[in-house]
Structures are given as structure tokens and as C-alpha cells.
PDB file of N, CA and C in Angstrom:
ATOM      1  N   MET A   1      67.114 114.609-131.911  1.00  0.00           N
ATOM      2  CA  MET A   1      67.999 114.006-130.966  1.00  0.00           C
ATOM      3  C   MET A   1      69.439 114.013-131.470  1.00  0.00           C
ATOM      4  N   ALA A   2      69.656 113.727-132.743  1.00  0.00           N
ATOM      5  CA  ALA A   2      71.016 113.659-133.261  1.00  0.00           C
ATOM      6  C   ALA A   2      71.751 114.974-133.095  1.00  0.00           C
ATOM      7  N   SER A   3      71.023 116.083-133.061  1.00  0.00           N
ATOM      8  CA  SER A   3      71.679 117.371-132.893  1.00  0.00           C
ATOM      9  C   SER A   3      72.282 117.517-131.503  1.00  0.00           C
ATOM     10  N   ASP A   4      71.861 116.714-130.541  1.00  0.00           N
ATOM     11  CA  ASP A   4      72.382 116.785-129.187  1.00  0.00           C
ATOM     12  C   ASP A   4      73.748 116.132-129.038  1.00  0.00           C
ATOM     13  N   PHE A   5      74.207 115.385-130.012  1.00  0.00           N
ATOM     14  CA  PHE A   5      75.483 114.706-129.892  1.00  0.00           C
ATOM     15  C   PHE A   5      76.653 115.676-129.829  1.00  0.00           C
ATOM     16  N   GLU A   6      76.576 116.765-130.547  1.00  0.00           N
ATOM     17  CA  GLU A   6      77.654 117.747-130.537  1.00  0.00           C
ATOM     18  C   GLU A   6      77.049 119.135-130.401  1.00  0.00           C
ATOM     19  N   LYS A   7      77.430 119.846-129.392  1.00  0.00           N
ATOM     20  CA  LYS A   7      76.912 121.171-129.127  1.00  0.00           C
ATOM     21  C   LYS A   7      78.044 122.180-129.229  1.00  0.00           C
ATOM     22  N   PRO A   8      77.842 123.447-129.379  1.00  0.00           N
ATOM     23  CA  PRO A   8      76.537 124.064-129.483  1.00  0.00           C
ATOM     24  C   PRO A   8      76.052 124.230-130.919  1.00  0.00           C
ATOM     25  N   ASP A   9      76.947 124.345-131.890  1.00  0.00           N
ATOM     26  CA  ASP A   9      76.497 124.708-133.224  1.00  0.00           C
ATOM     27  C   ASP A   9      76.750 123.655-134.295  1.00  0.00           C
ATOM     28  N   LYS A  10      77.079 122.464-133.910  1.00  0.00           N
ATOM     29  CA  LYS A  10      77.353 121.426-134.894  1.00  0.00           C
ATOM     30  C   LYS A  10      76.109 120.594-135.151  1.00  0.00           C
ATOM     31  N   ILE A  11      76.026 120.077-136.355  1.00  0.00           N
ATOM     32  CA  ILE A  11      74.927 119.189-136.721  1.00  0.00           C
ATOM     33  C   ILE A  11      75.511 117.801-136.902  1.00  0.00           C
ATOM     34  N   HIS A  12      74.826 116.820-136.400  1.00  0.00           N
ATOM     35  CA  HIS A  12      75.285 115.432-136.519  1.00  0.00           C
ATOM     36  C   HIS A  12      74.188 114.619-137.186  1.00  0.00           C
ATOM     37  N   THR A  13      74.555 113.883-138.206  1.00  0.00           N
ATOM     38  CA  THR A  13      73.603 113.012-138.883  1.00  0.00           C
ATOM     39  C   THR A  13      73.689 111.635-138.262  1.00  0.00           C
ATOM     40  N   LEU A  14      72.541 111.086-137.914  1.00  0.00           N
ATOM     41  CA  LEU A  14      72.483 109.750-137.347  1.00  0.00           C
ATOM     42  C   LEU A  14      71.895 108.829-138.405  1.00  0.00           C
ATOM     43  N   TYR A  15      72.746 107.968-138.961  1.00  0.00           N
ATOM     44  CA  TYR A  15      72.314 107.051-140.005  1.00  0.00           C
ATOM     45  C   TYR A  15      71.666 105.821-139.387  1.00  0.00           C
ATOM     46  N   PRO A  16      70.748 105.184-140.108  1.00  0.00           N
ATOM     47  CA  PRO A  16      70.036 104.016-139.557  1.00  0.00           C
ATOM     48  C   PRO A  16      70.967 102.953-138.971  1.00  0.00           C
ATOM     49  N   GLU A  17      72.091 102.712-139.616  1.00  0.00           N
ATOM     50  CA  GLU A  17      72.994 101.673-139.115  1.00  0.00           C
ATOM     51  C   GLU A  17      73.742 102.094-137.846  1.00  0.00           C
ATOM     52  N   GLU A  18      73.632 103.366-137.454  1.00  0.00           N
ATOM     53  CA  GLU A  18      74.289 103.866-136.246  1.00  0.00           C
ATOM     54  C   GLU A  18      73.371 103.900-135.024  1.00  0.00           C
ATOM     55  N   ILE A  19      72.099 103.621-135.231  1.00  0.00           N
ATOM     56  CA  ILE A  19      71.116 103.720-134.141  1.00  0.00           C
ATOM     57  C   ILE A  19      71.549 102.904-132.922  1.00  0.00           C
ATOM     58  N   SER A  20      71.867 101.639-133.136  1.00  0.00           N
ATOM     59  CA  SER A  20      72.181 100.782-131.985  1.00  0.00           C
ATOM     60  C   SER A  20      73.479 101.178-131.292  1.00  0.00           C
ATOM     61  N   SER A  21      74.443 101.686-132.024  1.00  0.00           N
ATOM     62  CA  SER A  21      75.717 102.030-131.388  1.00  0.00           C
ATOM     63  C   SER A  21      75.740 103.436-130.795  1.00  0.00           C
ATOM     64  N   LYS A  22      74.984 104.359-131.353  1.00  0.00           N
ATOM     65  CA  LYS A  22      75.034 105.744-130.877  1.00  0.00           C
ATOM     66  C   LYS A  22      73.819 106.167-130.059  1.00  0.00           C
ATOM     67  N   MET A  23      72.646 105.669-130.407  1.00  0.00           N
ATOM     68  CA  MET A  23      71.434 106.103-129.715  1.00  0.00           C
ATOM     69  C   MET A  23      71.077 105.190-128.538  1.00  0.00           C
ATOM     70  N   TRP A  24      71.201 103.889-128.732  1.00  0.00           N
ATOM     71  CA  TRP A  24      70.767 102.957-127.691  1.00  0.00           C
ATOM     72  C   TRP A  24      71.512 103.079-126.364  1.00  0.00           C
ATOM     73  N   PRO A  25      72.787 103.450-126.345  1.00  0.00           N
ATOM     74  CA  PRO A  25      73.456 103.590-125.046  1.00  0.00           C
ATOM     75  C   PRO A  25      73.003 104.815-124.232  1.00  0.00           C
ATOM     76  N   LEU A  26      72.307 105.740-124.864  1.00  0.00           N
ATOM     77  CA  LEU A  26      71.874 106.955-124.163  1.00  0.00           C
ATOM     78  C   LEU A  26      70.824 106.635-123.099  1.00  0.00           C
ATOM     79  N   PRO A  27      70.777 107.446-122.042  1.00  0.00           N
ATOM     80  CA  PRO A  27      69.756 107.252-121.013  1.00  0.00           C
ATOM     81  C   PRO A  27      68.346 107.347-121.601  1.00  0.00           C
ATOM     82  N   ALA A  28      67.426 106.596-121.055  1.00  0.00           N
ATOM     83  CA  ALA A  28      66.038 106.579-121.535  1.00  0.00           C
ATOM     84  C   ALA A  28      65.443 107.979-121.568  1.00  0.00           C
ATOM     85  N   LYS A  29      65.821 108.836-120.630  1.00  0.00           N
ATOM     86  CA  LYS A  29      65.250 110.183-120.558  1.00  0.00           C
ATOM     87  C   LYS A  29      65.543 111.016-121.798  1.00  0.00           C
ATOM     88  N   GLU A  30      66.515 110.592-122.606  1.00  0.00           N
ATOM     89  CA  GLU A  30      66.862 111.325-123.816  1.00  0.00           C
ATOM     90  C   GLU A  30      65.920 111.037-124.984  1.00  0.00           C
ATOM     91  N   LEU A  31      65.080 110.011-124.856  1.00  0.00           N
ATOM     92  CA  LEU A  31      64.165 109.659-125.936  1.00  0.00           C
ATOM     93  C   LEU A  31      63.030 110.683-126.018  1.00  0.00           C
ATOM     94  N   LEU A  32      62.652 111.013-127.223  1.00  0.00           N
ATOM     95  CA  LEU A  32      61.608 111.999-127.485  1.00  0.00           C
ATOM     96  C   LEU A  32      60.340 111.727-126.667  1.00  0.00           C
ATOM     97  N   PHE A  33      59.832 112.740-126.026  1.00  0.00           N
ATOM     98  CA  PHE A  33      58.577 112.749-125.271  1.00  0.00           C
ATOM     99  C   PHE A  33      58.598 112.005-123.934  1.00  0.00           C
ATOM    100  N   LEU A  34      59.750 111.498-123.499  1.00  0.00           N
ATOM    101  CA  LEU A  34      59.780 110.875-122.173  1.00  0.00           C
ATOM    102  C   LEU A  34      59.986 111.970-121.144  1.00  0.00           C
ATOM    103  N   GLY A  35      59.108 111.992-120.163  1.00  0.00           N
ATOM    104  CA  GLY A  35      59.160 113.068-119.195  1.00  0.00           C
ATOM    105  C   GLY A  35      59.416 112.604-117.784  1.00  0.00           C
ATOM    106  N   LYS A  36      59.218 113.533-116.857  1.00  0.00           N
ATOM    107  CA  LYS A  36      59.567 113.293-115.459  1.00  0.00           C
ATOM    108  C   LYS A  36      58.696 112.247-114.778  1.00  0.00           C
ATOM    109  N   LYS A  37      57.561 111.897-115.353  1.00  0.00           N
ATOM    110  CA  LYS A  37      56.732 110.849-114.757  1.00  0.00           C
ATOM    111  C   LYS A  37      57.041 109.476-115.351  1.00  0.00           C
ATOM    112  N   THR A  38      57.359 109.444-116.630  1.00  0.00           N
ATOM    113  CA  THR A  38      57.605 108.174-117.314  1.00  0.00           C
ATOM    114  C   THR A  38      58.956 107.580-116.944  1.00  0.00           C
ATOM    115  N   VAL A  39      59.989 108.421-116.895  1.00  0.00           N
ATOM    116  CA  VAL A  39      61.345 107.926-116.657  1.00  0.00           C
ATOM    117  C   VAL A  39      61.451 107.150-115.340  1.00  0.00           C
ATOM    118  N   PRO A  40      60.945 107.654-114.208  1.00  0.00           N
ATOM    119  CA  PRO A  40      61.035 106.860-112.981  1.00  0.00           C
ATOM    120  C   PRO A  40      60.309 105.502-113.083  1.00  0.00           C
ATOM    121  N   LYS A  41      59.207 105.460-113.804  1.00  0.00           N
ATOM    122  CA  LYS A  41      58.499 104.184-113.997  1.00  0.00           C
ATOM    123  C   LYS A  41      59.376 103.207-114.767  1.00  0.00           C
ATOM    124  N   LEU A  42      60.056 103.709-115.796  1.00  0.00           N
ATOM    125  CA  LEU A  42      60.962 102.850-116.565  1.00  0.00           C
ATOM    126  C   LEU A  42      62.115 102.368-115.694  1.00  0.00           C
ATOM    127  N   LEU A  43      62.686 103.263-114.911  1.00  0.00           N
ATOM    128  CA  LEU A  43      63.796 102.893-114.042  1.00  0.00           C
ATOM    129  C   LEU A  43      63.383 101.820-113.037  1.00  0.00           C
ATOM    130  N   ASN A  44      62.163 101.911-112.531  1.00  0.00           N
ATOM    131  CA  ASN A  44      61.656 100.891-111.604  1.00  0.00           C
ATOM    132  C   ASN A  44      61.507  99.533-112.270  1.00  0.00           C
ATOM    133  N   MET A  45      61.381  99.527-113.591  1.00  0.00           N
ATOM    134  CA  MET A  45      61.272  98.277-114.354  1.00  0.00           C
ATOM    135  C   MET A  45      62.638  97.846-114.886  1.00  0.00           C
ATOM    136  N   LYS A  46      63.712  98.507-114.403  1.00  0.00           N
ATOM    137  CA  LYS A  46      65.089  98.214-114.829  1.00  0.00           C
ATOM    138  C   LYS A  46      65.328  98.551-116.300  1.00  0.00           C
ATOM    139  N   ILE A  47      64.574  99.496-116.827  1.00  0.00           N
ATOM    140  CA  ILE A  47      64.749  99.990-118.198  1.00  0.00           C
ATOM    141  C   ILE A  47      65.455 101.325-118.067  1.00  0.00           C
ATOM    142  N   ARG A  48      66.748 101.333-118.373  1.00  0.00           N
ATOM    143  CA  ARG A  48      67.580 102.501-118.125  1.00  0.00           C
ATOM    144  C   ARG A  48      68.022 103.247-119.386  1.00  0.00           C
ATOM    145  N   THR A  49      68.125 102.551-120.498  1.00  0.00           N
ATOM    146  CA  THR A  49      68.639 103.178-121.711  1.00  0.00           C
ATOM    147  C   THR A  49      67.611 103.089-122.848  1.00  0.00           C
ATOM    148  N   ILE A  50      67.877 103.829-123.910  1.00  0.00           N
ATOM    149  CA  ILE A  50      67.015 103.746-125.086  1.00  0.00           C
ATOM    150  C   ILE A  50      67.082 102.333-125.664  1.00  0.00           C
ATOM    151  N   GLY A  51      68.246 101.722-125.593  1.00  0.00           N
ATOM    152  CA  GLY A  51      68.390 100.338-126.047  1.00  0.00           C
ATOM    153  C   GLY A  51      67.543  99.372-125.235  1.00  0.00           C
ATOM    154  N   ASP A  52      67.434  99.627-123.932  1.00  0.00           N
ATOM    155  CA  ASP A  52      66.556  98.789-123.091  1.00  0.00           C
ATOM    156  C   ASP A  52      65.118  98.898-123.562  1.00  0.00           C
ATOM    157  N   ILE A  53      64.693 100.109-123.894  1.00  0.00           N
ATOM    158  CA  ILE A  53      63.334 100.303-124.407  1.00  0.00           C
ATOM    159  C   ILE A  53      63.173  99.553-125.722  1.00  0.00           C
ATOM    160  N   ALA A  54      64.145  99.716-126.612  1.00  0.00           N
ATOM    161  CA  ALA A  54      64.090  99.081-127.932  1.00  0.00           C
ATOM    162  C   ALA A  54      64.008  97.565-127.841  1.00  0.00           C
ATOM    163  N   ASN A  55      64.641  97.003-126.828  1.00  0.00           N
ATOM    164  CA  ASN A  55      64.698  95.553-126.694  1.00  0.00           C
ATOM    165  C   ASN A  55      63.676  94.981-125.719  1.00  0.00           C
ATOM    166  N   THR A  56      62.805  95.832-125.197  1.00  0.00           N
ATOM    167  CA  THR A  56      61.714  95.377-124.339  1.00  0.00           C
ATOM    168  C   THR A  56      60.538  94.977-125.228  1.00  0.00           C
ATOM    169  N   ASP A  57      59.831  93.967-124.833  1.00  0.00           N
ATOM    170  CA  ASP A  57      58.675  93.513-125.608  1.00  0.00           C
ATOM    171  C   ASP A  57      57.662  94.653-125.761  1.00  0.00           C
ATOM    172  N   LYS A  58      57.279  94.916-126.991  1.00  0.00           N
ATOM    173  CA  LYS A  58      56.345  96.014-127.274  1.00  0.00           C
ATOM    174  C   LYS A  58      55.014  95.808-126.552  1.00  0.00           C
ATOM    175  N   GLU A  59      54.543  94.594-126.508  1.00  0.00           N
ATOM    176  CA  GLU A  59      53.261  94.308-125.834  1.00  0.00           C
ATOM    177  C   GLU A  59      53.350  94.616-124.339  1.00  0.00           C
ATOM    178  N   PHE A  60      54.493  94.327-123.733  1.00  0.00           N
ATOM    179  CA  PHE A  60      54.706  94.631-122.320  1.00  0.00           C
ATOM    180  C   PHE A  60      54.606  96.135-122.087  1.00  0.00           C
ATOM    181  N   LEU A  61      55.301  96.914-122.938  1.00  0.00           N
ATOM    182  CA  LEU A  61      55.252  98.377-122.795  1.00  0.00           C
ATOM    183  C   LEU A  61      53.837  98.905-123.009  1.00  0.00           C
ATOM    184  N   MET A  62      53.103  98.282-123.930  1.00  0.00           N
ATOM    185  CA  MET A  62      51.718  98.719-124.171  1.00  0.00           C
ATOM    186  C   MET A  62      50.831  98.418-122.969  1.00  0.00           C
ATOM    187  N   LYS A  63      51.069  97.307-122.284  1.00  0.00           N
ATOM    188  CA  LYS A  63      50.285  96.990-121.083  1.00  0.00           C
ATOM    189  C   LYS A  63      50.569  97.983-119.968  1.00  0.00           C
ATOM    190  N   LYS A  64      51.822  98.421-119.870  1.00  0.00           N
ATOM    191  CA  LYS A  64      52.211  99.351-118.805  1.00  0.00           C
ATOM    192  C   LYS A  64      51.865 100.805-119.104  1.00  0.00           C
ATOM    193  N   PHE A  65      51.960 101.203-120.407  1.00  0.00           N
ATOM    194  CA  PHE A  65      51.826 102.614-120.759  1.00  0.00           C
ATOM    195  C   PHE A  65      50.753 102.901-121.808  1.00  0.00           C
ATOM    196  N   GLY A  66      50.018 101.886-122.223  1.00  0.00           N
ATOM    197  CA  GLY A  66      48.989 102.090-123.236  1.00  0.00           C
ATOM    198  C   GLY A  66      49.600 102.394-124.594  1.00  0.00           C
ATOM    199  N   LYS A  67      48.899 103.207-125.370  1.00  0.00           N
ATOM    200  CA  LYS A  67      49.397 103.499-126.721  1.00  0.00           C
ATOM    201  C   LYS A  67      50.717 104.263-126.684  1.00  0.00           C
ATOM    202  N   PHE A  68      51.007 104.952-125.594  1.00  0.00           N
ATOM    203  CA  PHE A  68      52.292 105.634-125.464  1.00  0.00           C
ATOM    204  C   PHE A  68      53.432 104.609-125.377  1.00  0.00           C
ATOM    205  N   GLY A  69      53.170 103.440-124.805  1.00  0.00           N
ATOM    206  CA  GLY A  69      54.175 102.379-124.757  1.00  0.00           C
ATOM    207  C   GLY A  69      54.570 101.926-126.148  1.00  0.00           C
ATOM    208  N   LYS A  70      53.577 101.824-127.030  1.00  0.00           N
ATOM    209  CA  LYS A  70      53.854 101.452-128.418  1.00  0.00           C
ATOM    210  C   LYS A  70      54.686 102.539-129.098  1.00  0.00           C
ATOM    211  N   GLN A  71      54.293 103.790-128.890  1.00  0.00           N
ATOM    212  CA  GLN A  71      55.006 104.914-129.490  1.00  0.00           C
ATOM    213  C   GLN A  71      56.451 104.973-128.982  1.00  0.00           C
ATOM    214  N   MET A  72      56.635 104.778-127.688  1.00  0.00           N
ATOM    215  CA  MET A  72      57.957 104.788-127.086  1.00  0.00           C
ATOM    216  C   MET A  72      58.842 103.708-127.725  1.00  0.00           C
ATOM    217  N   TRP A  73      58.287 102.512-127.870  1.00  0.00           N
ATOM    218  CA  TRP A  73      59.021 101.395-128.470  1.00  0.00           C
ATOM    219  C   TRP A  73      59.386 101.721-129.921  1.00  0.00           C
ATOM    220  N   GLU A  74      58.443 102.303-130.650  1.00  0.00           N
ATOM    221  CA  GLU A  74      58.700 102.651-132.054  1.00  0.00           C
ATOM    222  C   GLU A  74      59.777 103.728-132.184  1.00  0.00           C
ATOM    223  N   TYR A  75      59.766 104.734-131.310  1.00  0.00           N
ATOM    224  CA  TYR A  75      60.803 105.764-131.348  1.00  0.00           C
ATOM    225  C   TYR A  75      62.177 105.155-131.065  1.00  0.00           C
ATOM    226  N   ALA A  76      62.240 104.238-130.130  1.00  0.00           N
ATOM    227  CA  ALA A  76      63.513 103.600-129.778  1.00  0.00           C
ATOM    228  C   ALA A  76      64.003 102.685-130.891  1.00  0.00           C
ATOM    229  N   ASN A  77      63.088 102.178-131.694  1.00  0.00           N
ATOM    230  CA  ASN A  77      63.436 101.237-132.761  1.00  0.00           C
ATOM    231  C   ASN A  77      63.410 101.868-134.145  1.00  0.00           C
ATOM    232  N   ARG A  78      63.529 103.160-134.242  1.00  0.00           N
ATOM    233  CA  ARG A  78      63.525 103.837-135.538  1.00  0.00           C
ATOM    234  C   ARG A  78      64.524 103.172-136.484  1.00  0.00           C
ATOM    235  N   ASN A  79      64.048 102.897-137.671  1.00  0.00           N
ATOM    236  CA  ASN A  79      64.901 102.363-138.743  1.00  0.00           C
ATOM    237  C   ASN A  79      65.544 101.020-138.416  1.00  0.00           C
ATOM    238  N   ARG A  80      64.946 100.284-137.567  1.00  0.00           N
ATOM    239  CA  ARG A  80      65.511  98.976-137.200  1.00  0.00           C
ATOM    240  C   ARG A  80      65.260  97.982-138.298  1.00  0.00           C
TER     241      ARG A  80
END
């Protein structure tokens, strides 16, 4: 994901302390493995950004998406 910050040939390092300021404002669809079926479900739950996912109760996401909900929450909370 960090490589998407600057295109086409630049590499960007995303440090743990930058997660909340650089990654969380991005749209939820930018999170690894979120696809065309999951994103509309998140939007219907008013979860629009990666930060929204990170700050949503993990148990809630697991009830809605099963083990993928846990994985989604963990990806959004990397290095937290």
C-alpha cells in the first residue's frame, strides 16, 4: 500500500507512527483485500475510511464479516 502514495516509480516507506496520519484517511477500498462486494457493505454501515475500520469494534466487524472482519480490522490497525 505504501508504494501507492507516490507513483509511478517512487518508493515510500510508511513508518508505524505514520499509520494514523497517512493511511487512516484513505478510502476503505484502498485496504488490502477489500473488494467490490465488501466496500458497499462498509459504506452502508457508515465506514468510509481505513481509519473508520481501525476504530470500529473488532467484534462488530467479526459479526458482520466473520473471520474476514477480524483480518480487516487487523490490517487497518497494523503496528498500532
